[in-house]
Amino acid sequence: MAKVTVNGEVFEWDPVRKPMSEALAVENALKIPYVQYEQGLQEGSARSLAAFIWLVWRRNGRDVPLEDILSGAVEVDLAGLDIEPEEGETGPTNPIPIVSSTTDASTSASSRKSSASGPGK
């Protein structure tokens, strides 16, 4: 199990588990296909990230409506968001790009990928 920290609280998350009920709930709430939600996570979409946090909370018994996260009625501090993969697991299986202290949170995922290349590339 991975560990996801949201607003200072740590929650367990199984990134391999993808129940149909959750995919349908995400599609219904965001009004987009599930694959766009997953792409949005990789691209740094705030709406997809809100849905991810909603799913983490939901699996851990926290009944917070997604609309409350999207509207700001329930505050989420992105600076405190962290995902710690399972032991032996590396980044590619993480559901979202992890922002490190050396990568500014406002930097897009595509910018982080391109900035990882060496000089002159």
N, C-alpha and C. Protein backbone atom coordinates (compact mmCIF):
# COMPACT_ATOMS: atom_id res chain seq x y z
N MET A 1 0.83 -1.19 0.00
CA MET A 1 0.00 0.00 0.00
C MET A 1 0.87 1.25 0.00
N ALA A 2 0.51 2.16 -0.84
CA ALA A 2 1.16 3.47 -0.84
C ALA A 2 0.56 4.30 0.29
N LYS A 3 1.27 5.34 0.67
CA LYS A 3 0.78 6.27 1.70
C LYS A 3 0.57 7.62 1.04
N VAL A 4 -0.62 8.18 1.20
CA VAL A 4 -0.94 9.49 0.65
C VAL A 4 -1.22 10.43 1.81
N THR A 5 -0.51 11.54 1.83
CA THR A 5 -0.70 12.55 2.87
C THR A 5 -1.51 13.70 2.28
N VAL A 6 -2.64 13.99 2.92
CA VAL A 6 -3.50 15.09 2.52
C VAL A 6 -3.79 15.93 3.75
N ASN A 7 -3.46 17.20 3.70
CA ASN A 7 -3.70 18.11 4.83
C ASN A 7 -3.13 17.57 6.14
N GLY A 8 -1.96 16.95 6.06
CA GLY A 8 -1.29 16.46 7.25
C GLY A 8 -1.74 15.08 7.72
N GLU A 9 -2.77 14.51 7.12
CA GLU A 9 -3.24 13.17 7.49
C GLU A 9 -2.74 12.16 6.47
N VAL A 10 -2.35 10.98 6.97
CA VAL A 10 -1.82 9.93 6.10
C VAL A 10 -2.91 8.88 5.88
N PHE A 11 -3.08 8.51 4.61
CA PHE A 11 -4.09 7.53 4.20
C PHE A 11 -3.42 6.44 3.38
N GLU A 12 -3.95 5.23 3.47
CA GLU A 12 -3.46 4.13 2.63
C GLU A 12 -4.12 4.22 1.26
N TRP A 13 -3.36 3.82 0.23
CA TRP A 13 -3.87 3.84 -1.13
C TRP A 13 -3.28 2.68 -1.91
N ASP A 14 -4.14 1.89 -2.53
CA ASP A 14 -3.71 0.80 -3.39
C ASP A 14 -3.84 1.28 -4.83
N PRO A 15 -2.72 1.67 -5.47
CA PRO A 15 -2.78 2.23 -6.83
C PRO A 15 -3.16 1.21 -7.90
N VAL A 16 -3.10 -0.08 -7.58
CA VAL A 16 -3.42 -1.12 -8.55
C VAL A 16 -4.93 -1.35 -8.61
N ARG A 17 -5.60 -1.15 -7.51
CA ARG A 17 -7.05 -1.40 -7.41
C ARG A 17 -7.81 -0.28 -8.12
N LYS A 18 -8.66 -0.66 -9.10
CA LYS A 18 -9.46 0.31 -9.84
C LYS A 18 -10.88 -0.22 -10.03
N PRO A 19 -11.70 -0.14 -8.97
CA PRO A 19 -13.07 -0.64 -9.08
C PRO A 19 -13.89 0.14 -10.11
N MET A 20 -14.74 -0.56 -10.84
CA MET A 20 -15.61 0.07 -11.83
C MET A 20 -16.47 1.14 -11.18
N SER A 21 -16.93 0.89 -9.95
CA SER A 21 -17.78 1.86 -9.26
C SER A 21 -17.08 3.20 -9.08
N GLU A 22 -15.77 3.17 -8.80
CA GLU A 22 -15.02 4.41 -8.65
C GLU A 22 -14.84 5.11 -10.00
N ALA A 23 -14.55 4.33 -11.04
CA ALA A 23 -14.39 4.92 -12.38
C ALA A 23 -15.68 5.60 -12.82
N LEU A 24 -16.79 4.95 -12.59
CA LEU A 24 -18.09 5.53 -12.95
C LEU A 24 -18.39 6.78 -12.12
N ALA A 25 -18.05 6.73 -10.84
CA ALA A 25 -18.27 7.89 -9.96
C ALA A 25 -17.43 9.08 -10.42
N VAL A 26 -16.19 8.83 -10.82
CA VAL A 26 -15.32 9.90 -11.32
C VAL A 26 -15.88 10.47 -12.62
N GLU A 27 -16.28 9.58 -13.54
CA GLU A 27 -16.85 10.05 -14.80
C GLU A 27 -18.10 10.91 -14.57
N ASN A 28 -18.95 10.45 -13.68
CA ASN A 28 -20.17 11.18 -13.37
C ASN A 28 -19.88 12.54 -12.74
N ALA A 29 -18.96 12.57 -11.81
CA ALA A 29 -18.65 13.81 -11.09
C ALA A 29 -17.92 14.83 -11.95
N LEU A 30 -16.95 14.36 -12.75
CA LEU A 30 -16.15 15.29 -13.56
C LEU A 30 -16.73 15.51 -14.96
N LYS A 31 -17.68 14.67 -15.35
CA LYS A 31 -18.29 14.75 -16.69
C LYS A 31 -17.27 14.56 -17.80
N ILE A 32 -16.32 13.65 -17.56
CA ILE A 32 -15.31 13.29 -18.55
C ILE A 32 -15.09 11.78 -18.49
N PRO A 33 -14.58 11.17 -19.58
CA PRO A 33 -14.24 9.75 -19.52
C PRO A 33 -13.13 9.49 -18.49
N TYR A 34 -13.14 8.30 -17.91
CA TYR A 34 -12.15 7.94 -16.88
C TYR A 34 -10.72 8.09 -17.39
N VAL A 35 -10.49 7.74 -18.66
CA VAL A 35 -9.14 7.85 -19.21
C VAL A 35 -8.66 9.31 -19.20
N GLN A 36 -9.58 10.26 -19.38
CA GLN A 36 -9.19 11.68 -19.31
C GLN A 36 -8.83 12.08 -17.88
N TYR A 37 -9.51 11.48 -16.91
CA TYR A 37 -9.15 11.71 -15.50
C TYR A 37 -7.71 11.23 -15.26
N GLU A 38 -7.39 10.03 -15.73
CA GLU A 38 -6.04 9.49 -15.54
C GLU A 38 -5.00 10.33 -16.28
N GLN A 39 -5.32 10.75 -17.49
CA GLN A 39 -4.41 11.62 -18.24
C GLN A 39 -4.22 12.94 -17.50
N GLY A 40 -5.32 13.44 -16.96
CA GLY A 40 -5.26 14.69 -16.20
C GLY A 40 -4.33 14.59 -15.00
N LEU A 41 -4.32 13.44 -14.35
CA LEU A 41 -3.39 13.26 -13.22
C LEU A 41 -1.95 13.38 -13.70
N GLN A 42 -1.65 12.75 -14.82
CA GLN A 42 -0.27 12.78 -15.35
C GLN A 42 0.11 14.18 -15.85
N GLU A 43 -0.88 14.94 -16.30
CA GLU A 43 -0.62 16.28 -16.83
C GLU A 43 -0.72 17.37 -15.77
N GLY A 44 -1.11 17.00 -14.57
CA GLY A 44 -1.19 17.98 -13.49
C GLY A 44 -2.52 18.71 -13.38
N SER A 45 -3.60 18.13 -13.88
CA SER A 45 -4.92 18.75 -13.80
C SER A 45 -5.39 18.85 -12.35
N ALA A 46 -5.76 20.04 -11.94
CA ALA A 46 -6.25 20.23 -10.57
C ALA A 46 -7.58 19.50 -10.36
N ARG A 47 -8.44 19.46 -11.37
CA ARG A 47 -9.72 18.75 -11.24
C ARG A 47 -9.48 17.25 -11.06
N SER A 48 -8.55 16.69 -11.83
CA SER A 48 -8.23 15.27 -11.67
C SER A 48 -7.61 15.02 -10.30
N LEU A 49 -6.77 15.92 -9.85
CA LEU A 49 -6.15 15.76 -8.53
C LEU A 49 -7.20 15.83 -7.43
N ALA A 50 -8.18 16.70 -7.59
CA ALA A 50 -9.28 16.77 -6.62
C ALA A 50 -10.03 15.44 -6.58
N ALA A 51 -10.26 14.85 -7.74
CA ALA A 51 -10.95 13.56 -7.79
C ALA A 51 -10.09 12.46 -7.16
N PHE A 52 -8.78 12.52 -7.38
CA PHE A 52 -7.88 11.54 -6.76
C PHE A 52 -7.97 11.64 -5.23
N ILE A 53 -7.91 12.85 -4.70
CA ILE A 53 -8.00 13.05 -3.25
C ILE A 53 -9.35 12.55 -2.75
N TRP A 54 -10.40 12.84 -3.49
CA TRP A 54 -11.74 12.37 -3.15
C TRP A 54 -11.77 10.85 -3.05
N LEU A 55 -11.14 10.16 -4.04
CA LEU A 55 -11.10 8.70 -4.01
C LEU A 55 -10.29 8.18 -2.83
N VAL A 56 -9.17 8.82 -2.53
CA VAL A 56 -8.35 8.42 -1.38
C VAL A 56 -9.19 8.52 -0.10
N TRP A 57 -9.84 9.66 0.08
CA TRP A 57 -10.66 9.85 1.27
C TRP A 57 -11.81 8.85 1.30
N ARG A 58 -12.44 8.65 0.16
CA ARG A 58 -13.60 7.74 0.08
C ARG A 58 -13.22 6.32 0.47
N ARG A 59 -12.09 5.84 -0.05
CA ARG A 59 -11.64 4.48 0.30
C ARG A 59 -11.29 4.35 1.77
N ASN A 60 -10.96 5.47 2.40
CA ASN A 60 -10.57 5.44 3.80
C ASN A 60 -11.69 5.90 4.73
N GLY A 61 -12.95 5.86 4.23
CA GLY A 61 -14.10 6.14 5.06
C GLY A 61 -14.44 7.60 5.27
N ARG A 62 -13.78 8.50 4.57
CA ARG A 62 -14.06 9.94 4.70
C ARG A 62 -15.13 10.30 3.68
N ASP A 63 -16.30 10.69 4.14
CA ASP A 63 -17.42 10.99 3.25
C ASP A 63 -17.46 12.49 2.96
N VAL A 64 -16.66 12.91 1.99
CA VAL A 64 -16.61 14.30 1.57
C VAL A 64 -17.08 14.36 0.12
N PRO A 65 -18.12 15.13 -0.18
CA PRO A 65 -18.56 15.24 -1.57
C PRO A 65 -17.47 15.86 -2.45
N LEU A 66 -17.27 15.31 -3.62
CA LEU A 66 -16.27 15.86 -4.55
C LEU A 66 -16.57 17.32 -4.85
N GLU A 67 -17.83 17.66 -4.97
CA GLU A 67 -18.19 19.05 -5.26
C GLU A 67 -17.65 20.00 -4.19
N ASP A 68 -17.58 19.54 -2.93
CA ASP A 68 -17.04 20.38 -1.86
C ASP A 68 -15.54 20.62 -2.03
N ILE A 69 -14.84 19.64 -2.60
CA ILE A 69 -13.41 19.82 -2.87
C ILE A 69 -13.24 20.76 -4.06
N LEU A 70 -14.04 20.53 -5.11
CA LEU A 70 -13.95 21.35 -6.32
C LEU A 70 -14.31 22.81 -6.05
N SER A 71 -15.28 23.03 -5.17
CA SER A 71 -15.74 24.40 -4.90
C SER A 71 -14.85 25.12 -3.88
N GLY A 72 -14.04 24.37 -3.14
CA GLY A 72 -13.21 24.97 -2.11
C GLY A 72 -13.88 24.97 -0.74
N ALA A 73 -15.10 24.44 -0.65
CA ALA A 73 -15.78 24.36 0.64
C ALA A 73 -14.98 23.49 1.61
N VAL A 74 -14.31 22.47 1.07
CA VAL A 74 -13.36 21.66 1.84
C VAL A 74 -11.99 21.99 1.28
N GLU A 75 -11.17 22.61 2.08
CA GLU A 75 -9.86 23.08 1.64
C GLU A 75 -8.85 21.94 1.60
N VAL A 76 -8.07 21.91 0.52
CA VAL A 76 -6.97 20.97 0.38
C VAL A 76 -5.72 21.79 0.10
N ASP A 77 -4.70 21.60 0.91
CA ASP A 77 -3.44 22.32 0.74
C ASP A 77 -2.51 21.46 -0.12
N LEU A 78 -2.33 21.86 -1.39
CA LEU A 78 -1.50 21.09 -2.31
C LEU A 78 -0.04 21.04 -1.87
N ALA A 79 0.39 22.03 -1.11
CA ALA A 79 1.78 22.02 -0.62
C ALA A 79 2.02 20.87 0.33
N GLY A 80 0.96 20.39 0.97
CA GLY A 80 1.09 19.29 1.92
C GLY A 80 0.73 17.94 1.35
N LEU A 81 0.45 17.89 0.03
CA LEU A 81 0.10 16.62 -0.60
C LEU A 81 1.37 15.84 -0.91
N ASP A 82 1.38 14.57 -0.51
CA ASP A 82 2.55 13.73 -0.73
C ASP A 82 2.10 12.30 -0.95
N ILE A 83 2.79 11.61 -1.85
CA ILE A 83 2.54 10.20 -2.08
C ILE A 83 3.82 9.45 -1.88
N GLU A 84 3.78 8.51 -0.96
CA GLU A 84 4.93 7.66 -0.67
C GLU A 84 4.62 6.27 -1.19
N PRO A 85 5.30 5.85 -2.28
CA PRO A 85 5.01 4.54 -2.86
C PRO A 85 5.36 3.41 -1.90
N GLU A 86 4.81 2.23 -2.21
CA GLU A 86 5.16 1.04 -1.43
C GLU A 86 6.65 0.79 -1.53
N GLU A 87 7.20 0.09 -0.55
CA GLU A 87 8.62 -0.27 -0.62
C GLU A 87 8.88 -1.05 -1.88
N GLY A 88 9.97 -0.72 -2.56
CA GLY A 88 10.33 -1.40 -3.79
C GLY A 88 9.62 -0.88 -5.01
N GLU A 89 8.65 -0.01 -4.83
CA GLU A 89 7.90 0.56 -5.94
C GLU A 89 8.57 1.87 -6.36
N THR A 90 8.59 2.14 -7.64
CA THR A 90 9.18 3.39 -8.11
C THR A 90 8.13 4.24 -8.79
N GLY A 91 8.50 5.45 -9.12
CA GLY A 91 7.63 6.48 -9.66
C GLY A 91 6.62 6.11 -10.73
N PRO A 92 6.95 5.30 -11.76
CA PRO A 92 5.99 5.12 -12.85
C PRO A 92 4.64 4.56 -12.44
N THR A 93 4.55 3.87 -11.31
CA THR A 93 3.26 3.32 -10.90
C THR A 93 2.48 4.31 -10.05
N ASN A 94 3.07 5.45 -9.71
CA ASN A 94 2.36 6.45 -8.94
C ASN A 94 1.23 7.03 -9.76
N PRO A 95 0.06 7.25 -9.14
CA PRO A 95 -1.07 7.77 -9.89
C PRO A 95 -0.93 9.23 -10.28
N ILE A 96 -0.08 9.99 -9.60
CA ILE A 96 0.10 11.40 -9.95
C ILE A 96 1.57 11.75 -9.90
N PRO A 97 1.97 12.76 -10.66
CA PRO A 97 3.36 13.21 -10.54
C PRO A 97 3.58 13.79 -9.15
N ILE A 98 4.66 13.43 -8.54
CA ILE A 98 4.95 13.93 -7.20
C ILE A 98 5.82 15.17 -7.31
N VAL A 99 5.39 16.21 -6.64
CA VAL A 99 6.13 17.46 -6.62
C VAL A 99 7.12 17.39 -5.47
N SER A 100 8.39 17.52 -5.79
CA SER A 100 9.41 17.47 -4.74
C SER A 100 9.77 18.88 -4.33
N SER A 101 10.57 19.00 -3.31
CA SER A 101 10.99 20.32 -2.84
C SER A 101 11.86 21.02 -3.86
N THR A 102 12.40 20.28 -4.84
CA THR A 102 13.23 20.91 -5.87
C THR A 102 12.44 21.21 -7.13
N THR A 103 11.17 20.81 -7.17
CA THR A 103 10.31 21.08 -8.32
C THR A 103 9.16 21.94 -7.85
N ASP A 104 9.02 23.12 -8.41
CA ASP A 104 7.96 24.03 -8.03
C ASP A 104 6.61 23.43 -8.35
N ALA A 105 5.65 23.59 -7.44
CA ALA A 105 4.31 23.01 -7.63
C ALA A 105 3.61 23.56 -8.85
N SER A 106 3.99 24.77 -9.29
CA SER A 106 3.32 25.35 -10.45
C SER A 106 3.93 24.87 -11.77
N THR A 107 5.00 24.10 -11.72
CA THR A 107 5.62 23.58 -12.92
C THR A 107 4.78 22.44 -13.46
N SER A 108 4.45 22.50 -14.75
CA SER A 108 3.62 21.46 -15.32
C SER A 108 4.39 20.16 -15.44
N ALA A 109 3.65 19.06 -15.54
CA ALA A 109 4.29 17.74 -15.67
C ALA A 109 5.13 17.67 -16.92
N SER A 110 4.63 18.25 -18.03
CA SER A 110 5.41 18.20 -19.26
C SER A 110 6.68 19.02 -19.15
N SER A 111 6.63 20.13 -18.41
CA SER A 111 7.83 20.94 -18.20
C SER A 111 8.84 20.19 -17.36
N ARG A 112 8.34 19.45 -16.34
CA ARG A 112 9.26 18.71 -15.48
C ARG A 112 9.94 17.63 -16.31
N LYS A 113 9.20 16.99 -17.23
CA LYS A 113 9.80 15.94 -18.06
C LYS A 113 10.88 16.55 -18.95
N SER A 114 10.55 17.69 -19.59
CA SER A 114 11.52 18.27 -20.52
C SER A 114 12.72 18.83 -19.80
N SER A 115 12.53 19.33 -18.57
CA SER A 115 13.65 19.90 -17.84
C SER A 115 14.57 18.82 -17.30
N ALA A 116 14.13 17.57 -17.34
CA ALA A 116 14.95 16.46 -16.84
C ALA A 116 16.01 16.06 -17.85
N SER A 117 15.89 16.55 -19.07
CA SER A 117 16.90 16.18 -20.07
C SER A 117 18.18 16.95 -19.83
N GLY A 118 19.26 16.44 -20.33
CA GLY A 118 20.56 17.08 -20.13
C GLY A 118 20.73 18.33 -20.96
N PRO A 119 21.81 19.07 -20.74
CA PRO A 119 22.07 20.29 -21.49
C PRO A 119 22.17 19.99 -22.99
N GLY A 120 21.58 20.90 -23.77
CA GLY A 120 21.69 20.78 -25.20
C GLY A 120 20.75 19.76 -25.80
N LYS A 121 19.88 19.17 -25.00
CA LYS A 121 18.94 18.18 -25.54
C LYS A 121 17.60 18.81 -25.81
